[in-house]
Amino acid sequence: MAQYSQTAGATGTAPALWPEASWVSHDPVLPSLVMFLHPRCPCSRATLGELEQLMAHRQGLFSAQVWFIQPEGMTEDWVKTDLWHAAAAIPGVQVSVDHEGAEARRFQAVTSGQTLLYDVGGGLIFQGGITLARGHAGDNPGRDAIESLLKQQITHASSTPVYGCALGWKKDQEKCPLCQP
Protein backbone atom coordinates (compact mmCIF):
# COMPACT_ATOMS: atom_id res chain seq x y z
CA MET A 1 0.00 0.00 0.00
CA ALA A 2 2.84 2.41 0.84
CA GLN A 3 4.49 1.70 -2.51
CA TYR A 4 1.20 2.41 -4.32
CA SER A 5 0.76 5.75 -2.53
CA GLN A 6 4.26 6.80 -3.62
CA THR A 7 3.79 5.75 -7.26
CA ALA A 8 3.08 8.71 -9.49
CA GLY A 9 0.69 8.49 -12.40
CA ALA A 10 1.63 9.33 -15.96
CA THR A 11 2.27 12.99 -16.62
CA GLY A 12 1.14 14.28 -19.97
CA THR A 13 3.12 17.00 -21.69
CA ALA A 14 0.91 20.04 -21.50
CA PRO A 15 1.03 22.47 -24.42
CA ALA A 16 3.53 25.29 -23.91
CA LEU A 17 0.83 27.76 -25.06
CA TRP A 18 -2.86 27.81 -24.17
CA PRO A 19 -4.76 25.65 -26.71
CA GLU A 20 -6.73 27.96 -29.00
CA ALA A 21 -9.51 25.43 -29.62
CA SER A 22 -10.18 24.94 -25.90
CA TRP A 23 -13.50 25.64 -24.22
CA VAL A 24 -11.57 26.30 -21.00
CA SER A 25 -11.53 30.05 -20.52
CA HIS A 26 -8.16 31.74 -20.19
CA ASP A 27 -8.07 34.74 -17.85
CA PRO A 28 -6.38 37.66 -19.65
CA VAL A 29 -5.70 39.51 -16.38
CA LEU A 30 -4.60 36.80 -13.92
CA PRO A 31 -2.64 33.56 -14.24
CA SER A 32 -5.01 30.66 -15.00
CA LEU A 33 -4.89 27.42 -13.03
CA VAL A 34 -6.59 24.44 -14.67
CA MET A 35 -6.99 21.13 -12.84
CA PHE A 36 -8.32 17.88 -14.26
CA LEU A 37 -9.94 15.30 -11.96
CA HIS A 38 -11.62 11.94 -12.24
CA PRO A 39 -14.85 12.29 -10.23
CA ARG A 40 -14.36 8.93 -8.49
CA CYS A 41 -10.61 8.97 -7.82
CA PRO A 42 -10.07 8.55 -4.07
CA CYS A 43 -6.58 10.07 -4.42
CA SER A 44 -8.05 13.39 -5.58
CA ARG A 45 -9.58 14.39 -2.25
CA ALA A 46 -6.13 15.51 -1.04
CA THR A 47 -5.59 17.42 -4.28
CA LEU A 48 -8.75 19.41 -3.63
CA GLY A 49 -7.54 20.11 -0.10
CA GLU A 50 -4.33 21.53 -1.53
CA LEU A 51 -6.29 23.64 -4.03
CA GLU A 52 -8.36 24.97 -1.15
CA GLN A 53 -5.13 25.99 0.62
CA LEU A 54 -3.87 27.73 -2.53
CA MET A 55 -7.13 29.61 -2.91
CA ALA A 56 -7.09 30.70 0.73
CA HIS A 57 -3.45 31.87 0.66
CA ARG A 58 -3.32 33.39 -2.83
CA GLN A 59 -6.93 34.40 -3.53
CA GLY A 60 -7.16 37.15 -6.09
CA LEU A 61 -3.76 36.31 -7.61
CA PHE A 62 -5.04 33.67 -10.05
CA SER A 63 -8.22 32.19 -11.50
CA ALA A 64 -8.94 28.50 -10.93
CA GLN A 65 -10.98 25.94 -12.84
CA VAL A 66 -11.53 22.27 -12.06
CA TRP A 67 -12.65 20.02 -14.91
CA PHE A 68 -14.18 16.65 -14.05
CA ILE A 69 -13.96 13.90 -16.65
CA GLN A 70 -17.26 12.45 -17.88
CA PRO A 71 -16.42 9.18 -19.68
CA GLU A 72 -18.36 8.16 -22.75
CA GLY A 73 -21.68 6.59 -21.80
CA MET A 74 -21.82 8.14 -18.31
CA THR A 75 -24.33 10.77 -17.22
CA GLU A 76 -23.61 14.09 -15.55
CA ASP A 77 -25.07 12.60 -12.35
CA TRP A 78 -22.22 10.06 -12.43
CA VAL A 79 -19.77 13.00 -12.50
CA LYS A 80 -21.36 15.05 -9.71
CA THR A 81 -19.89 13.10 -6.78
CA ASP A 82 -18.77 14.31 -3.37
CA LEU A 83 -15.51 15.42 -5.04
CA TRP A 84 -17.51 17.64 -7.42
CA HIS A 85 -19.36 19.20 -4.49
CA ALA A 86 -16.09 19.68 -2.55
CA ALA A 87 -14.54 21.50 -5.51
CA ALA A 88 -17.65 23.63 -6.01
CA ALA A 89 -17.53 24.64 -2.33
CA ILE A 90 -14.05 26.19 -2.65
CA PRO A 91 -14.54 29.97 -2.97
CA GLY A 92 -13.41 31.30 -6.34
CA VAL A 93 -13.17 27.93 -8.10
CA GLN A 94 -15.16 27.29 -11.28
CA VAL A 95 -16.20 23.64 -11.72
CA SER A 96 -17.09 22.12 -15.11
CA VAL A 97 -17.77 18.80 -16.82
CA ASP A 98 -15.21 17.61 -19.36
CA HIS A 99 -17.32 15.54 -21.76
CA GLU A 100 -15.40 12.43 -22.81
CA GLY A 101 -12.14 14.07 -21.71
CA ALA A 102 -12.04 16.48 -24.66
CA GLU A 103 -10.35 19.24 -22.66
CA ALA A 104 -8.01 16.84 -20.87
CA ARG A 105 -6.87 15.70 -24.33
CA ARG A 106 -6.29 19.28 -25.47
CA PHE A 107 -4.19 19.96 -22.38
CA GLN A 108 -2.62 16.45 -22.41
CA ALA A 109 -3.72 15.76 -18.82
CA VAL A 110 -3.74 12.01 -18.26
CA THR A 111 -3.80 11.62 -14.46
CA SER A 112 -6.39 12.83 -11.96
CA GLY A 113 -4.99 15.84 -10.16
CA GLN A 114 -2.88 17.10 -13.05
CA THR A 115 -2.66 20.84 -12.48
CA LEU A 116 -1.52 23.43 -15.00
CA LEU A 117 -0.72 27.08 -14.43
CA TYR A 118 -0.57 29.45 -17.39
CA ASP A 119 0.57 33.06 -17.21
CA VAL A 120 -1.58 35.94 -18.46
CA GLY A 121 -0.02 35.63 -21.91
CA GLY A 122 -1.05 31.98 -22.14
CA GLY A 123 2.39 30.47 -21.52
CA LEU A 124 2.70 27.35 -19.39
CA ILE A 125 4.62 28.04 -16.18
CA PHE A 126 3.76 24.94 -14.10
CA GLN A 127 2.51 21.43 -14.72
CA GLY A 128 2.17 18.54 -12.33
CA GLY A 129 0.56 17.52 -9.09
CA ILE A 130 0.01 19.43 -5.88
CA THR A 131 0.26 16.54 -3.41
CA LEU A 132 3.30 14.64 -2.15
CA ALA A 133 1.71 11.21 -2.65
CA ARG A 134 -1.64 9.62 -3.51
CA GLY A 135 -4.24 10.88 -1.09
CA HIS A 136 -1.69 12.72 1.12
CA ALA A 137 -2.28 16.38 1.91
CA GLY A 138 0.38 18.66 3.36
CA ASP A 139 3.43 20.62 2.33
CA ASN A 140 4.62 19.62 -1.14
CA PRO A 141 6.80 20.90 -3.99
CA GLY A 142 3.86 21.42 -6.38
CA ARG A 143 1.90 23.75 -4.15
CA ASP A 144 5.14 25.51 -3.13
CA ALA A 145 6.07 26.04 -6.79
CA ILE A 146 2.69 27.54 -7.64
CA GLU A 147 2.76 29.82 -4.59
CA SER A 148 6.27 31.00 -5.53
CA LEU A 149 5.23 31.64 -9.12
CA LEU A 150 2.19 33.60 -7.99
CA LYS A 151 4.36 35.70 -5.66
CA GLN A 152 6.74 36.10 -8.63
CA GLN A 153 9.60 34.54 -6.73
CA ILE A 154 12.04 32.21 -8.44
CA THR A 155 11.10 28.56 -8.20
CA HIS A 156 13.13 25.56 -9.22
CA ALA A 157 10.13 23.29 -9.72
CA SER A 158 8.13 23.99 -12.85
CA SER A 159 7.01 20.37 -13.06
CA THR A 160 6.16 17.84 -10.35
CA PRO A 161 4.82 14.27 -10.34
CA VAL A 162 1.05 13.75 -10.33
CA TYR A 163 -0.29 11.27 -7.77
CA GLY A 164 -3.69 10.07 -8.90
CA CYS A 165 -5.58 7.59 -11.01
CA ALA A 166 -5.80 7.57 -14.79
CA LEU A 167 -8.35 10.00 -16.22
CA GLY A 168 -9.37 7.26 -18.63
CA TRP A 169 -9.34 9.02 -22.00
CA LYS A 170 -5.99 7.63 -23.13
CA LYS A 171 -6.53 4.13 -24.53
CA ASP A 172 -3.13 2.62 -23.63
CA GLN A 173 -3.10 3.88 -20.03
CA GLU A 174 -3.77 1.42 -17.23
CA LYS A 175 -7.16 2.04 -15.65
CA CYS A 176 -7.80 2.12 -11.92
CA PRO A 177 -10.35 -0.48 -10.76
CA LEU A 178 -11.44 1.86 -7.94
CA CYS A 179 -12.66 4.69 -10.12
CA GLN A 180 -13.11 3.55 -13.73
CA PRO A 181 -16.60 2.66 -14.97
C-alpha atoms as a PDB file:
ATOM      1  CA  MET A   1       0.000   0.000   0.000  1.00  0.00           C
ATOM      2  CA  ALA A   2       2.840   2.409   0.843  1.00  0.00           C
ATOM      3  CA  GLN A   3       4.490   1.702  -2.509  1.00  0.00           C
ATOM      4  CA  TYR A   4       1.202   2.409  -4.325  1.00  0.00           C
ATOM      5  CA  SER A   5       0.757   5.752  -2.532  1.00  0.00           C
ATOM      6  CA  GLN A   6       4.262   6.803  -3.617  1.00  0.00           C
ATOM      7  CA  THR A   7       3.792   5.747  -7.259  1.00  0.00           C
ATOM      8  CA  ALA A   8       3.084   8.713  -9.492  1.00  0.00           C
ATOM      9  CA  GLY A   9       0.692   8.486 -12.404  1.00  0.00           C
ATOM     10  CA  ALA A  10       1.633   9.330 -15.962  1.00  0.00           C
ATOM     11  CA  THR A  11       2.265  12.992 -16.617  1.00  0.00           C
ATOM     12  CA  GLY A  12       1.136  14.282 -19.968  1.00  0.00           C
ATOM     13  CA  THR A  13       3.122  16.996 -21.689  1.00  0.00           C
ATOM     14  CA  ALA A  14       0.907  20.043 -21.500  1.00  0.00           C
ATOM     15  CA  PRO A  15       1.031  22.471 -24.423  1.00  0.00           C
ATOM     16  CA  ALA A  16       3.531  25.293 -23.914  1.00  0.00           C
ATOM     17  CA  LEU A  17       0.835  27.755 -25.056  1.00  0.00           C
ATOM     18  CA  TRP A  18      -2.860  27.807 -24.167  1.00  0.00           C
ATOM     19  CA  PRO A  19      -4.756  25.647 -26.711  1.00  0.00           C
ATOM     20  CA  GLU A  20      -6.734  27.961 -28.999  1.00  0.00           C
ATOM     21  CA  ALA A  21      -9.507  25.425 -29.618  1.00  0.00           C
ATOM     22  CA  SER A  22     -10.177  24.936 -25.901  1.00  0.00           C
ATOM     23  CA  TRP A  23     -13.499  25.638 -24.220  1.00  0.00           C
ATOM     24  CA  VAL A  24     -11.574  26.297 -20.999  1.00  0.00           C
ATOM     25  CA  SER A  25     -11.530  30.049 -20.516  1.00  0.00           C
ATOM     26  CA  HIS A  26      -8.165  31.742 -20.192  1.00  0.00           C
ATOM     27  CA  ASP A  27      -8.074  34.742 -17.848  1.00  0.00           C
ATOM     28  CA  PRO A  28      -6.376  37.659 -19.651  1.00  0.00           C
ATOM     29  CA  VAL A  29      -5.702  39.508 -16.379  1.00  0.00           C
ATOM     30  CA  LEU A  30      -4.597  36.800 -13.921  1.00  0.00           C
ATOM     31  CA  PRO A  31      -2.638  33.556 -14.240  1.00  0.00           C
ATOM     32  CA  SER A  32      -5.013  30.662 -15.005  1.00  0.00           C
ATOM     33  CA  LEU A  33      -4.887  27.419 -13.029  1.00  0.00           C
ATOM     34  CA  VAL A  34      -6.589  24.443 -14.665  1.00  0.00           C
ATOM     35  CA  MET A  35      -6.989  21.134 -12.836  1.00  0.00           C
ATOM     36  CA  PHE A  36      -8.322  17.876 -14.260  1.00  0.00           C
ATOM     37  CA  LEU A  37      -9.942  15.303 -11.956  1.00  0.00           C
ATOM     38  CA  HIS A  38     -11.622  11.941 -12.240  1.00  0.00           C
ATOM     39  CA  PRO A  39     -14.852  12.293 -10.225  1.00  0.00           C
ATOM     40  CA  ARG A  40     -14.356   8.933  -8.491  1.00  0.00           C
ATOM     41  CA  CYS A  41     -10.611   8.970  -7.825  1.00  0.00           C
ATOM     42  CA  PRO A  42     -10.073   8.547  -4.068  1.00  0.00           C
ATOM     43  CA  CYS A  43      -6.578  10.071  -4.420  1.00  0.00           C
ATOM     44  CA  SER A  44      -8.051  13.394  -5.585  1.00  0.00           C
ATOM     45  CA  ARG A  45      -9.579  14.390  -2.253  1.00  0.00           C
ATOM     46  CA  ALA A  46      -6.129  15.508  -1.036  1.00  0.00           C
ATOM     47  CA  THR A  47      -5.591  17.425  -4.284  1.00  0.00           C
ATOM     48  CA  LEU A  48      -8.750  19.415  -3.634  1.00  0.00           C
ATOM     49  CA  GLY A  49      -7.543  20.115  -0.097  1.00  0.00           C
ATOM     50  CA  GLU A  50      -4.329  21.535  -1.528  1.00  0.00           C
ATOM     51  CA  LEU A  51      -6.291  23.642  -4.027  1.00  0.00           C
ATOM     52  CA  GLU A  52      -8.363  24.967  -1.153  1.00  0.00           C
ATOM     53  CA  GLN A  53      -5.125  25.994   0.617  1.00  0.00           C
ATOM     54  CA  LEU A  54      -3.868  27.733  -2.530  1.00  0.00           C
ATOM     55  CA  MET A  55      -7.135  29.610  -2.915  1.00  0.00           C
ATOM     56  CA  ALA A  56      -7.086  30.701   0.726  1.00  0.00           C
ATOM     57  CA  HIS A  57      -3.453  31.867   0.663  1.00  0.00           C
ATOM     58  CA  ARG A  58      -3.323  33.386  -2.830  1.00  0.00           C
ATOM     59  CA  GLN A  59      -6.926  34.395  -3.529  1.00  0.00           C
ATOM     60  CA  GLY A  60      -7.160  37.146  -6.092  1.00  0.00           C
ATOM     61  CA  LEU A  61      -3.758  36.308  -7.607  1.00  0.00           C
ATOM     62  CA  PHE A  62      -5.044  33.672 -10.055  1.00  0.00           C
ATOM     63  CA  SER A  63      -8.215  32.191 -11.500  1.00  0.00           C
ATOM     64  CA  ALA A  64      -8.944  28.500 -10.927  1.00  0.00           C
ATOM     65  CA  GLN A  65     -10.979  25.940 -12.836  1.00  0.00           C
ATOM     66  CA  VAL A  66     -11.525  22.272 -12.061  1.00  0.00           C
ATOM     67  CA  TRP A  67     -12.649  20.022 -14.908  1.00  0.00           C
ATOM     68  CA  PHE A  68     -14.184  16.649 -14.046  1.00  0.00           C
ATOM     69  CA  ILE A  69     -13.960  13.902 -16.653  1.00  0.00           C
ATOM     70  CA  GLN A  70     -17.256  12.449 -17.876  1.00  0.00           C
ATOM     71  CA  PRO A  71     -16.422   9.176 -19.676  1.00  0.00           C
ATOM     72  CA  GLU A  72     -18.363   8.159 -22.747  1.00  0.00           C
ATOM     73  CA  GLY A  73     -21.683   6.591 -21.797  1.00  0.00           C
ATOM     74  CA  MET A  74     -21.816   8.141 -18.306  1.00  0.00           C
ATOM     75  CA  THR A  75     -24.327  10.766 -17.218  1.00  0.00           C
ATOM     76  CA  GLU A  76     -23.606  14.087 -15.545  1.00  0.00           C
ATOM     77  CA  ASP A  77     -25.074  12.598 -12.348  1.00  0.00           C
ATOM     78  CA  TRP A  78     -22.220  10.061 -12.428  1.00  0.00           C
ATOM     79  CA  VAL A  79     -19.772  13.004 -12.497  1.00  0.00           C
ATOM     80  CA  LYS A  80     -21.360  15.045  -9.710  1.00  0.00           C
ATOM     81  CA  THR A  81     -19.887  13.095  -6.783  1.00  0.00           C
ATOM     82  CA  ASP A  82     -18.769  14.313  -3.372  1.00  0.00           C
ATOM     83  CA  LEU A  83     -15.510  15.419  -5.041  1.00  0.00           C
ATOM     84  CA  TRP A  84     -17.506  17.640  -7.418  1.00  0.00           C
ATOM     85  CA  HIS A  85     -19.356  19.201  -4.493  1.00  0.00           C
ATOM     86  CA  ALA A  86     -16.094  19.678  -2.545  1.00  0.00           C
ATOM     87  CA  ALA A  87     -14.536  21.498  -5.514  1.00  0.00           C
ATOM     88  CA  ALA A  88     -17.650  23.631  -6.012  1.00  0.00           C
ATOM     89  CA  ALA A  89     -17.531  24.642  -2.326  1.00  0.00           C
ATOM     90  CA  ILE A  90     -14.047  26.189  -2.653  1.00  0.00           C
ATOM     91  CA  PRO A  91     -14.542  29.965  -2.972  1.00  0.00           C
ATOM     92  CA  GLY A  92     -13.410  31.303  -6.343  1.00  0.00           C
ATOM     93  CA  VAL A  93     -13.168  27.927  -8.105  1.00  0.00           C
ATOM     94  CA  GLN A  94     -15.164  27.294 -11.281  1.00  0.00           C
ATOM     95  CA  VAL A  95     -16.200  23.640 -11.723  1.00  0.00           C
ATOM     96  CA  SER A  96     -17.089  22.120 -15.113  1.00  0.00           C
ATOM     97  CA  VAL A  97     -17.772  18.802 -16.817  1.00  0.00           C
ATOM     98  CA  ASP A  98     -15.213  17.610 -19.363  1.00  0.00           C
ATOM     99  CA  HIS A  99     -17.324  15.541 -21.756  1.00  0.00           C
ATOM    100  CA  GLU A 100     -15.400  12.426 -22.809  1.00  0.00           C
ATOM    101  CA  GLY A 101     -12.142  14.073 -21.711  1.00  0.00           C
ATOM    102  CA  ALA A 102     -12.036  16.476 -24.664  1.00  0.00           C
ATOM    103  CA  GLU A 103     -10.351  19.244 -22.665  1.00  0.00           C
ATOM    104  CA  ALA A 104      -8.012  16.838 -20.873  1.00  0.00           C
ATOM    105  CA  ARG A 105      -6.872  15.698 -24.330  1.00  0.00           C
ATOM    106  CA  ARG A 106      -6.294  19.280 -25.471  1.00  0.00           C
ATOM    107  CA  PHE A 107      -4.189  19.957 -22.384  1.00  0.00           C
ATOM    108  CA  GLN A 108      -2.618  16.455 -22.414  1.00  0.00           C
ATOM    109  CA  ALA A 109      -3.719  15.762 -18.823  1.00  0.00           C
ATOM    110  CA  VAL A 110      -3.742  12.005 -18.257  1.00  0.00           C
ATOM    111  CA  THR A 111      -3.805  11.615 -14.455  1.00  0.00           C
ATOM    112  CA  SER A 112      -6.390  12.831 -11.965  1.00  0.00           C
ATOM    113  CA  GLY A 113      -4.987  15.841 -10.162  1.00  0.00           C
ATOM    114  CA  GLN A 114      -2.883  17.105 -13.049  1.00  0.00           C
ATOM    115  CA  THR A 115      -2.658  20.839 -12.481  1.00  0.00           C
ATOM    116  CA  LEU A 116      -1.516  23.429 -14.996  1.00  0.00           C
ATOM    117  CA  LEU A 117      -0.723  27.084 -14.428  1.00  0.00           C
ATOM    118  CA  TYR A 118      -0.570  29.449 -17.389  1.00  0.00           C
ATOM    119  CA  ASP A 119       0.569  33.065 -17.207  1.00  0.00           C
ATOM    120  CA  VAL A 120      -1.581  35.944 -18.464  1.00  0.00           C
ATOM    121  CA  GLY A 121      -0.017  35.633 -21.914  1.00  0.00           C
ATOM    122  CA  GLY A 122      -1.047  31.978 -22.145  1.00  0.00           C
ATOM    123  CA  GLY A 123       2.392  30.474 -21.522  1.00  0.00           C
ATOM    124  CA  LEU A 124       2.702  27.347 -19.393  1.00  0.00           C
ATOM    125  CA  ILE A 125       4.622  28.041 -16.177  1.00  0.00           C
ATOM    126  CA  PHE A 126       3.758  24.943 -14.098  1.00  0.00           C
ATOM    127  CA  GLN A 127       2.510  21.429 -14.718  1.00  0.00           C
ATOM    128  CA  GLY A 128       2.175  18.536 -12.332  1.00  0.00           C
ATOM    129  CA  GLY A 129       0.565  17.518  -9.087  1.00  0.00           C
ATOM    130  CA  ILE A 130       0.015  19.432  -5.879  1.00  0.00           C
ATOM    131  CA  THR A 131       0.261  16.535  -3.408  1.00  0.00           C
ATOM    132  CA  LEU A 132       3.302  14.641  -2.151  1.00  0.00           C
ATOM    133  CA  ALA A 133       1.709  11.205  -2.645  1.00  0.00           C
ATOM    134  CA  ARG A 134      -1.636   9.619  -3.507  1.00  0.00           C
ATOM    135  CA  GLY A 135      -4.242  10.884  -1.087  1.00  0.00           C
ATOM    136  CA  HIS A 136      -1.695  12.720   1.116  1.00  0.00           C
ATOM    137  CA  ALA A 137      -2.276  16.382   1.911  1.00  0.00           C
ATOM    138  CA  GLY A 138       0.380  18.662   3.363  1.00  0.00           C
ATOM    139  CA  ASP A 139       3.435  20.620   2.325  1.00  0.00           C
ATOM    140  CA  ASN A 140       4.622  19.618  -1.138  1.00  0.00           C
ATOM    141  CA  PRO A 141       6.797  20.897  -3.989  1.00  0.00           C
ATOM    142  CA  GLY A 142       3.861  21.416  -6.377  1.00  0.00           C
ATOM    143  CA  ARG A 143       1.899  23.750  -4.148  1.00  0.00           C
ATOM    144  CA  ASP A 144       5.139  25.508  -3.128  1.00  0.00           C
ATOM    145  CA  ALA A 145       6.073  26.042  -6.793  1.00  0.00           C
ATOM    146  CA  ILE A 146       2.685  27.537  -7.637  1.00  0.00           C
ATOM    147  CA  GLU A 147       2.765  29.820  -4.593  1.00  0.00           C
ATOM    148  CA  SER A 148       6.274  31.004  -5.534  1.00  0.00           C
ATOM    149  CA  LEU A 149       5.230  31.639  -9.123  1.00  0.00           C
ATOM    150  CA  LEU A 150       2.185  33.600  -7.985  1.00  0.00           C
ATOM    151  CA  LYS A 151       4.359  35.696  -5.663  1.00  0.00           C
ATOM    152  CA  GLN A 152       6.742  36.101  -8.626  1.00  0.00           C
ATOM    153  CA  GLN A 153       9.597  34.537  -6.728  1.00  0.00           C
ATOM    154  CA  ILE A 154      12.038  32.214  -8.442  1.00  0.00           C
ATOM    155  CA  THR A 155      11.096  28.564  -8.204  1.00  0.00           C
ATOM    156  CA  HIS A 156      13.133  25.563  -9.223  1.00  0.00           C
ATOM    157  CA  ALA A 157      10.131  23.290  -9.723  1.00  0.00           C
ATOM    158  CA  SER A 158       8.125  23.989 -12.854  1.00  0.00           C
ATOM    159  CA  SER A 159       7.010  20.368 -13.062  1.00  0.00           C
ATOM    160  CA  THR A 160       6.164  17.844 -10.348  1.00  0.00           C
ATOM    161  CA  PRO A 161       4.821  14.267 -10.340  1.00  0.00           C
ATOM    162  CA  VAL A 162       1.045  13.750 -10.330  1.00  0.00           C
ATOM    163  CA  TYR A 163      -0.295  11.272  -7.773  1.00  0.00           C
ATOM    164  CA  GLY A 164      -3.695  10.069  -8.899  1.00  0.00           C
ATOM    165  CA  CYS A 165      -5.582   7.587 -11.008  1.00  0.00           C
ATOM    166  CA  ALA A 166      -5.803   7.571 -14.791  1.00  0.00           C
ATOM    167  CA  LEU A 167      -8.350   9.999 -16.224  1.00  0.00           C
ATOM    168  CA  GLY A 168      -9.365   7.263 -18.634  1.00  0.00           C
ATOM    169  CA  TRP A 169      -9.337   9.019 -22.003  1.00  0.00           C
ATOM    170  CA  LYS A 170      -5.987   7.633 -23.130  1.00  0.00           C
ATOM    171  CA  LYS A 171      -6.525   4.134 -24.529  1.00  0.00           C
ATOM    172  CA  ASP A 172      -3.125   2.621 -23.626  1.00  0.00           C
ATOM    173  CA  GLN A 173      -3.096   3.884 -20.030  1.00  0.00           C
ATOM    174  CA  GLU A 174      -3.773   1.417 -17.235  1.00  0.00           C
ATOM    175  CA  LYS A 175      -7.162   2.041 -15.648  1.00  0.00           C
ATOM    176  CA  CYS A 176      -7.796   2.123 -11.916  1.00  0.00           C
ATOM    177  CA  PRO A 177     -10.347  -0.479 -10.757  1.00  0.00           C
ATOM    178  CA  LEU A 178     -11.437   1.860  -7.937  1.00  0.00           C
ATOM    179  CA  CYS A 179     -12.661   4.686 -10.119  1.00  0.00           C
ATOM    180  CA  GLN A 180     -13.110   3.545 -13.726  1.00  0.00           C
ATOM    181  CA  PRO A 181     -16.600   2.655 -14.973  1.00  0.00           C
END
